[in-house]
Amino acid sequence: MPLALLVKGFYSVMVMTVLSMMWGYIRGLTSGRQSSWMAKMPFAWWIGFLVIVSIAFHVLTAWQVQWVRWELQRAHLIPDRDIAVTVQDHQFHLPDEGISITRGELVRFRVRSEDLTYGFGVFRENGRMEFQMQVVPGHDNDLVWVFSEPGRYSIRSTEYAGPHTWRMHAKHVINVASDLRLARR
């Protein structure tokens, strides 16, 4: 069974259980009769159990998310390439030679803002977001990523930075090739 289906099923059961417990608790409060603390104990134990199960589920499945492993190993990762991007006056300033990457290459994006807080979002051709980060002025903002699919990617600001934010779109500026020979063209 795929992990995504298991996660969706787990969350569906959790939500239905919590909602039914809340309904029972609220019904008990609005019925007009006074209930003892002994009657409320199963509810408190059940909620505590659900919290423990949820936390355990998150801890056990977090390893399945790609970037979680990268973040935990960040101090020991040596990227294949560093790409520096500067953002100022609602414009992305990209490397002059462009951004060409090979699929599977570990890349560190170092993005620096010179004036405002911006977002740095990378999007696939179909509009799906690949990743994003907040870019805070005066700080080193970086993110490590491995592109798993070849294609052309666009950059957009994913953070509101005033009325000109809508213009912050660099279309098809990242080329991810399936092998090294294609990426260098």
C-alpha atoms as a PDB file:
ATOM      1  CA  MET A   1       0.000   0.000   0.000  1.00  0.00           C
ATOM      2  CA  PRO A   2       1.484   3.397  -0.963  1.00  0.00           C
ATOM      3  CA  LEU A   3       2.472   5.635   1.935  1.00  0.00           C
ATOM      4  CA  ALA A   4       0.329   8.529   0.656  1.00  0.00           C
ATOM      5  CA  LEU A   5      -2.803   6.385   0.767  1.00  0.00           C
ATOM      6  CA  LEU A   6      -1.931   5.162   4.258  1.00  0.00           C
ATOM      7  CA  VAL A   7      -1.420   8.742   5.481  1.00  0.00           C
ATOM      8  CA  LYS A   8      -4.738   9.914   3.970  1.00  0.00           C
ATOM      9  CA  GLY A   9      -6.547   6.990   5.573  1.00  0.00           C
ATOM     10  CA  PHE A  10      -4.933   7.628   8.946  1.00  0.00           C
ATOM     11  CA  TYR A  11      -5.853  11.309   8.938  1.00  0.00           C
ATOM     12  CA  SER A  12      -9.411  10.575   7.809  1.00  0.00           C
ATOM     13  CA  VAL A  13      -9.914   8.154  10.700  1.00  0.00           C
ATOM     14  CA  MET A  14      -8.324  10.615  13.149  1.00  0.00           C
ATOM     15  CA  VAL A  15     -10.519  13.503  12.023  1.00  0.00           C
ATOM     16  CA  MET A  16     -13.714  11.426  12.154  1.00  0.00           C
ATOM     17  CA  THR A  17     -12.804  10.129  15.617  1.00  0.00           C
ATOM     18  CA  VAL A  18     -12.014  13.564  17.011  1.00  0.00           C
ATOM     19  CA  LEU A  19     -15.176  15.062  15.522  1.00  0.00           C
ATOM     20  CA  SER A  20     -17.337  12.281  16.963  1.00  0.00           C
ATOM     21  CA  MET A  21     -15.694  12.711  20.382  1.00  0.00           C
ATOM     22  CA  MET A  22     -16.229  16.474  20.236  1.00  0.00           C
ATOM     23  CA  TRP A  23     -19.866  15.943  19.265  1.00  0.00           C
ATOM     24  CA  GLY A  24     -20.359  13.593  22.230  1.00  0.00           C
ATOM     25  CA  TYR A  25     -18.637  15.999  24.615  1.00  0.00           C
ATOM     26  CA  ILE A  26     -20.646  19.012  23.421  1.00  0.00           C
ATOM     27  CA  ARG A  27     -23.854  16.988  23.552  1.00  0.00           C
ATOM     28  CA  GLY A  28     -23.062  16.101  27.153  1.00  0.00           C
ATOM     29  CA  LEU A  29     -22.444  19.770  28.004  1.00  0.00           C
ATOM     30  CA  THR A  30     -25.680  20.972  26.425  1.00  0.00           C
ATOM     31  CA  SER A  31     -27.953  18.219  27.748  1.00  0.00           C
ATOM     32  CA  GLY A  32     -28.598  20.136  30.937  1.00  0.00           C
ATOM     33  CA  ARG A  33     -27.571  17.377  33.292  1.00  0.00           C
ATOM     34  CA  GLN A  34     -24.427  17.589  35.362  1.00  0.00           C
ATOM     35  CA  SER A  35     -21.822  14.907  34.718  1.00  0.00           C
ATOM     36  CA  SER A  36     -19.162  13.853  37.178  1.00  0.00           C
ATOM     37  CA  TRP A  37     -15.430  14.002  36.514  1.00  0.00           C
ATOM     38  CA  MET A  38     -15.502  10.192  36.305  1.00  0.00           C
ATOM     39  CA  ALA A  39     -17.776  10.437  33.275  1.00  0.00           C
ATOM     40  CA  LYS A  40     -15.334  12.850  31.608  1.00  0.00           C
ATOM     41  CA  MET A  41     -12.227  10.713  32.208  1.00  0.00           C
ATOM     42  CA  PRO A  42     -12.669   8.420  29.168  1.00  0.00           C
ATOM     43  CA  PHE A  43     -12.848  11.503  26.937  1.00  0.00           C
ATOM     44  CA  ALA A  44      -9.635  12.939  28.406  1.00  0.00           C
ATOM     45  CA  TRP A  45      -7.829   9.591  28.113  1.00  0.00           C
ATOM     46  CA  TRP A  46      -9.009   9.155  24.531  1.00  0.00           C
ATOM     47  CA  ILE A  47      -7.818  12.636  23.496  1.00  0.00           C
ATOM     48  CA  GLY A  48      -4.462  11.974  25.188  1.00  0.00           C
ATOM     49  CA  PHE A  49      -4.164   8.672  23.327  1.00  0.00           C
ATOM     50  CA  LEU A  50      -4.960  10.372  20.001  1.00  0.00           C
ATOM     51  CA  VAL A  51      -2.314  13.045  20.638  1.00  0.00           C
ATOM     52  CA  ILE A  52       0.341  10.408  21.390  1.00  0.00           C
ATOM     53  CA  VAL A  53      -0.605   8.336  18.326  1.00  0.00           C
ATOM     54  CA  SER A  54      -0.546  11.448  16.103  1.00  0.00           C
ATOM     55  CA  ILE A  55       2.872  12.538  17.316  1.00  0.00           C
ATOM     56  CA  ALA A  56       4.262   9.026  16.895  1.00  0.00           C
ATOM     57  CA  PHE A  57       2.792   8.819  13.382  1.00  0.00           C
ATOM     58  CA  HIS A  58       4.402  12.137  12.395  1.00  0.00           C
ATOM     59  CA  VAL A  59       7.779  11.106  13.783  1.00  0.00           C
ATOM     60  CA  LEU A  60       7.677   7.739  12.012  1.00  0.00           C
ATOM     61  CA  THR A  61       6.529   9.104   8.632  1.00  0.00           C
ATOM     62  CA  ALA A  62       8.611  12.299   8.574  1.00  0.00           C
ATOM     63  CA  TRP A  63      11.546  10.249   7.269  1.00  0.00           C
ATOM     64  CA  GLN A  64       9.561   9.602   4.106  1.00  0.00           C
ATOM     65  CA  VAL A  65       9.636  13.310   3.207  1.00  0.00           C
ATOM     66  CA  GLN A  66      12.742  14.042   1.118  1.00  0.00           C
ATOM     67  CA  TRP A  67      13.729  17.380   2.543  1.00  0.00           C
ATOM     68  CA  VAL A  68      13.439  16.221   6.168  1.00  0.00           C
ATOM     69  CA  ARG A  69      16.420  13.901   5.649  1.00  0.00           C
ATOM     70  CA  TRP A  70      18.356  16.708   3.945  1.00  0.00           C
ATOM     71  CA  GLU A  71      17.667  19.154   6.776  1.00  0.00           C
ATOM     72  CA  LEU A  72      18.712  16.673   9.451  1.00  0.00           C
ATOM     73  CA  GLN A  73      21.969  15.989   7.595  1.00  0.00           C
ATOM     74  CA  ARG A  74      22.479  19.600   6.513  1.00  0.00           C
ATOM     75  CA  ALA A  75      25.738  20.142   8.428  1.00  0.00           C
ATOM     76  CA  HIS A  76      27.341  17.203   6.608  1.00  0.00           C
ATOM     77  CA  LEU A  77      25.946  17.811   3.124  1.00  0.00           C
ATOM     78  CA  ILE A  78      28.278  19.086   0.460  1.00  0.00           C
ATOM     79  CA  PRO A  79      26.225  20.406  -2.448  1.00  0.00           C
ATOM     80  CA  ASP A  80      27.278  19.702  -6.007  1.00  0.00           C
ATOM     81  CA  ARG A  81      26.597  23.339  -6.804  1.00  0.00           C
ATOM     82  CA  ASP A  82      25.767  26.654  -5.115  1.00  0.00           C
ATOM     83  CA  ILE A  83      23.458  29.035  -6.923  1.00  0.00           C
ATOM     84  CA  ALA A  84      23.350  32.640  -5.718  1.00  0.00           C
ATOM     85  CA  VAL A  85      20.260  34.757  -6.314  1.00  0.00           C
ATOM     86  CA  THR A  86      19.724  38.327  -5.153  1.00  0.00           C
ATOM     87  CA  VAL A  87      16.325  39.976  -4.819  1.00  0.00           C
ATOM     88  CA  GLN A  88      15.900  43.729  -4.834  1.00  0.00           C
ATOM     89  CA  ASP A  89      13.254  46.211  -5.962  1.00  0.00           C
ATOM     90  CA  HIS A  90      10.807  43.358  -6.710  1.00  0.00           C
ATOM     91  CA  GLN A  91      13.197  41.660  -9.153  1.00  0.00           C
ATOM     92  CA  PHE A  92      15.132  38.408  -9.076  1.00  0.00           C
ATOM     93  CA  HIS A  93      18.771  38.858 -10.094  1.00  0.00           C
ATOM     94  CA  LEU A  94      19.902  35.468 -11.381  1.00  0.00           C
ATOM     95  CA  PRO A  95      23.360  34.243 -12.422  1.00  0.00           C
ATOM     96  CA  ASP A  96      24.414  35.635 -15.822  1.00  0.00           C
ATOM     97  CA  GLU A  97      25.108  32.157 -17.178  1.00  0.00           C
ATOM     98  CA  GLY A  98      21.589  31.020 -16.286  1.00  0.00           C
ATOM     99  CA  ILE A  99      20.640  28.107 -14.085  1.00  0.00           C
ATOM    100  CA  SER A 100      21.246  24.681 -15.613  1.00  0.00           C
ATOM    101  CA  ILE A 101      21.064  21.680 -13.341  1.00  0.00           C
ATOM    102  CA  THR A 102      21.286  17.948 -13.849  1.00  0.00           C
ATOM    103  CA  ARG A 103      18.532  15.781 -12.403  1.00  0.00           C
ATOM    104  CA  GLY A 104      19.746  14.226  -9.151  1.00  0.00           C
ATOM    105  CA  GLU A 105      22.333  16.937  -8.483  1.00  0.00           C
ATOM    106  CA  LEU A 106      22.353  18.332  -4.928  1.00  0.00           C
ATOM    107  CA  VAL A 107      21.955  22.103  -5.304  1.00  0.00           C
ATOM    108  CA  ARG A 108      22.060  24.820  -2.659  1.00  0.00           C
ATOM    109  CA  PHE A 109      20.111  27.969  -3.494  1.00  0.00           C
ATOM    110  CA  ARG A 110      21.507  30.975  -1.608  1.00  0.00           C
ATOM    111  CA  VAL A 111      19.005  33.784  -1.873  1.00  0.00           C
ATOM    112  CA  ARG A 112      19.622  37.249  -0.442  1.00  0.00           C
ATOM    113  CA  SER A 113      17.226  40.149  -0.211  1.00  0.00           C
ATOM    114  CA  GLU A 114      18.592  43.659  -0.275  1.00  0.00           C
ATOM    115  CA  ASP A 115      15.430  45.467   0.804  1.00  0.00           C
ATOM    116  CA  LEU A 116      12.195  43.590   1.684  1.00  0.00           C
ATOM    117  CA  THR A 117      10.982  40.170   2.781  1.00  0.00           C
ATOM    118  CA  TYR A 118      10.251  38.132  -0.345  1.00  0.00           C
ATOM    119  CA  GLY A 119       9.391  34.565  -1.139  1.00  0.00           C
ATOM    120  CA  PHE A 120      11.444  32.328  -3.391  1.00  0.00           C
ATOM    121  CA  GLY A 121       9.248  29.673  -4.928  1.00  0.00           C
ATOM    122  CA  VAL A 122      10.268  27.299  -7.700  1.00  0.00           C
ATOM    123  CA  PHE A 123       7.435  25.972  -9.863  1.00  0.00           C
ATOM    124  CA  ARG A 124       7.158  23.257 -12.482  1.00  0.00           C
ATOM    125  CA  GLU A 125       5.789  23.946 -15.965  1.00  0.00           C
ATOM    126  CA  ASN A 126       2.351  22.648 -14.930  1.00  0.00           C
ATOM    127  CA  GLY A 127       2.212  25.228 -12.104  1.00  0.00           C
ATOM    128  CA  ARG A 128       2.924  22.833  -9.228  1.00  0.00           C
ATOM    129  CA  MET A 129       5.272  24.174  -6.604  1.00  0.00           C
ATOM    130  CA  GLU A 130       8.563  22.292  -6.271  1.00  0.00           C
ATOM    131  CA  PHE A 131       9.702  24.175  -3.140  1.00  0.00           C
ATOM    132  CA  GLN A 132       9.683  27.610  -1.574  1.00  0.00           C
ATOM    133  CA  MET A 133      11.352  29.568   1.184  1.00  0.00           C
ATOM    134  CA  GLN A 134      11.022  32.952   2.800  1.00  0.00           C
ATOM    135  CA  VAL A 135      13.808  35.412   2.027  1.00  0.00           C
ATOM    136  CA  VAL A 136      14.451  37.807   4.888  1.00  0.00           C
ATOM    137  CA  PRO A 137      16.650  40.879   4.284  1.00  0.00           C
ATOM    138  CA  GLY A 138      20.013  40.935   6.010  1.00  0.00           C
ATOM    139  CA  HIS A 139      20.112  37.157   6.498  1.00  0.00           C
ATOM    140  CA  ASP A 140      21.600  34.236   4.647  1.00  0.00           C
ATOM    141  CA  ASN A 141      18.648  32.317   3.268  1.00  0.00           C
ATOM    142  CA  ASP A 142      19.511  28.987   1.732  1.00  0.00           C
ATOM    143  CA  LEU A 143      17.856  25.734   0.817  1.00  0.00           C
ATOM    144  CA  VAL A 144      19.240  22.443  -0.477  1.00  0.00           C
ATOM    145  CA  TRP A 145      17.286  20.583  -3.116  1.00  0.00           C
ATOM    146  CA  VAL A 146      17.527  17.697  -5.553  1.00  0.00           C
ATOM    147  CA  PHE A 147      15.348  17.957  -8.644  1.00  0.00           C
ATOM    148  CA  SER A 148      13.913  14.545  -9.479  1.00  0.00           C
ATOM    149  CA  GLU A 149      12.231  15.477 -12.763  1.00  0.00           C
ATOM    150  CA  PRO A 150      13.791  17.109 -15.826  1.00  0.00           C
ATOM    151  CA  GLY A 151      12.097  20.185 -17.226  1.00  0.00           C
ATOM    152  CA  ARG A 152      11.972  23.952 -17.125  1.00  0.00           C
ATOM    153  CA  TYR A 153      11.128  25.612 -13.838  1.00  0.00           C
ATOM    154  CA  SER A 154       9.991  29.136 -13.039  1.00  0.00           C
ATOM    155  CA  ILE A 155      10.633  31.331 -10.011  1.00  0.00           C
ATOM    156  CA  ARG A 156       7.956  33.412  -8.273  1.00  0.00           C
ATOM    157  CA  SER A 157       7.748  35.362  -5.082  1.00  0.00           C
ATOM    158  CA  THR A 158       5.576  33.414  -2.668  1.00  0.00           C
ATOM    159  CA  GLU A 159       5.474  36.191  -0.097  1.00  0.00           C
ATOM    160  CA  TYR A 160       3.534  39.440  -0.364  1.00  0.00           C
ATOM    161  CA  ALA A 161       6.039  42.298  -0.650  1.00  0.00           C
ATOM    162  CA  GLY A 162       3.795  45.173  -1.646  1.00  0.00           C
ATOM    163  CA  PRO A 163       1.733  46.042  -4.707  1.00  0.00           C
ATOM    164  CA  HIS A 164       4.471  45.088  -7.190  1.00  0.00           C
ATOM    165  CA  THR A 165       4.783  41.492  -5.979  1.00  0.00           C
ATOM    166  CA  TRP A 166       2.571  40.213  -8.790  1.00  0.00           C
ATOM    167  CA  ARG A 167       5.332  41.088 -11.289  1.00  0.00           C
ATOM    168  CA  MET A 168       7.900  38.874  -9.553  1.00  0.00           C
ATOM    169  CA  HIS A 169       7.824  35.966 -11.974  1.00  0.00           C
ATOM    170  CA  ALA A 170      10.864  34.676 -13.861  1.00  0.00           C
ATOM    171  CA  LYS A 171       9.496  32.150 -16.327  1.00  0.00           C
ATOM    172  CA  HIS A 172      11.457  29.005 -17.295  1.00  0.00           C
ATOM    173  CA  VAL A 173      14.763  30.220 -15.826  1.00  0.00           C
ATOM    174  CA  ILE A 174      15.852  26.885 -14.353  1.00  0.00           C
ATOM    175  CA  ASN A 175      16.644  24.112 -16.798  1.00  0.00           C
ATOM    176  CA  VAL A 176      16.857  20.634 -15.272  1.00  0.00           C
ATOM    177  CA  ALA A 177      18.277  18.107 -17.712  1.00  0.00           C
ATOM    178  CA  SER A 178      18.204  14.355 -17.409  1.00  0.00           C
ATOM    179  CA  ASP A 179      21.978  14.070 -17.889  1.00  0.00           C
ATOM    180  CA  LEU A 180      25.068  16.258 -17.646  1.00  0.00           C
ATOM    181  CA  ARG A 181      25.604  16.781 -21.384  1.00  0.00           C
ATOM    182  CA  LEU A 182      22.156  18.378 -21.783  1.00  0.00           C
ATOM    183  CA  ALA A 183      22.435  20.594 -18.695  1.00  0.00           C
ATOM    184  CA  ARG A 184      25.578  22.389 -19.918  1.00  0.00           C
ATOM    185  CA  ARG A 185      24.054  23.563 -23.223  1.00  0.00           C
END
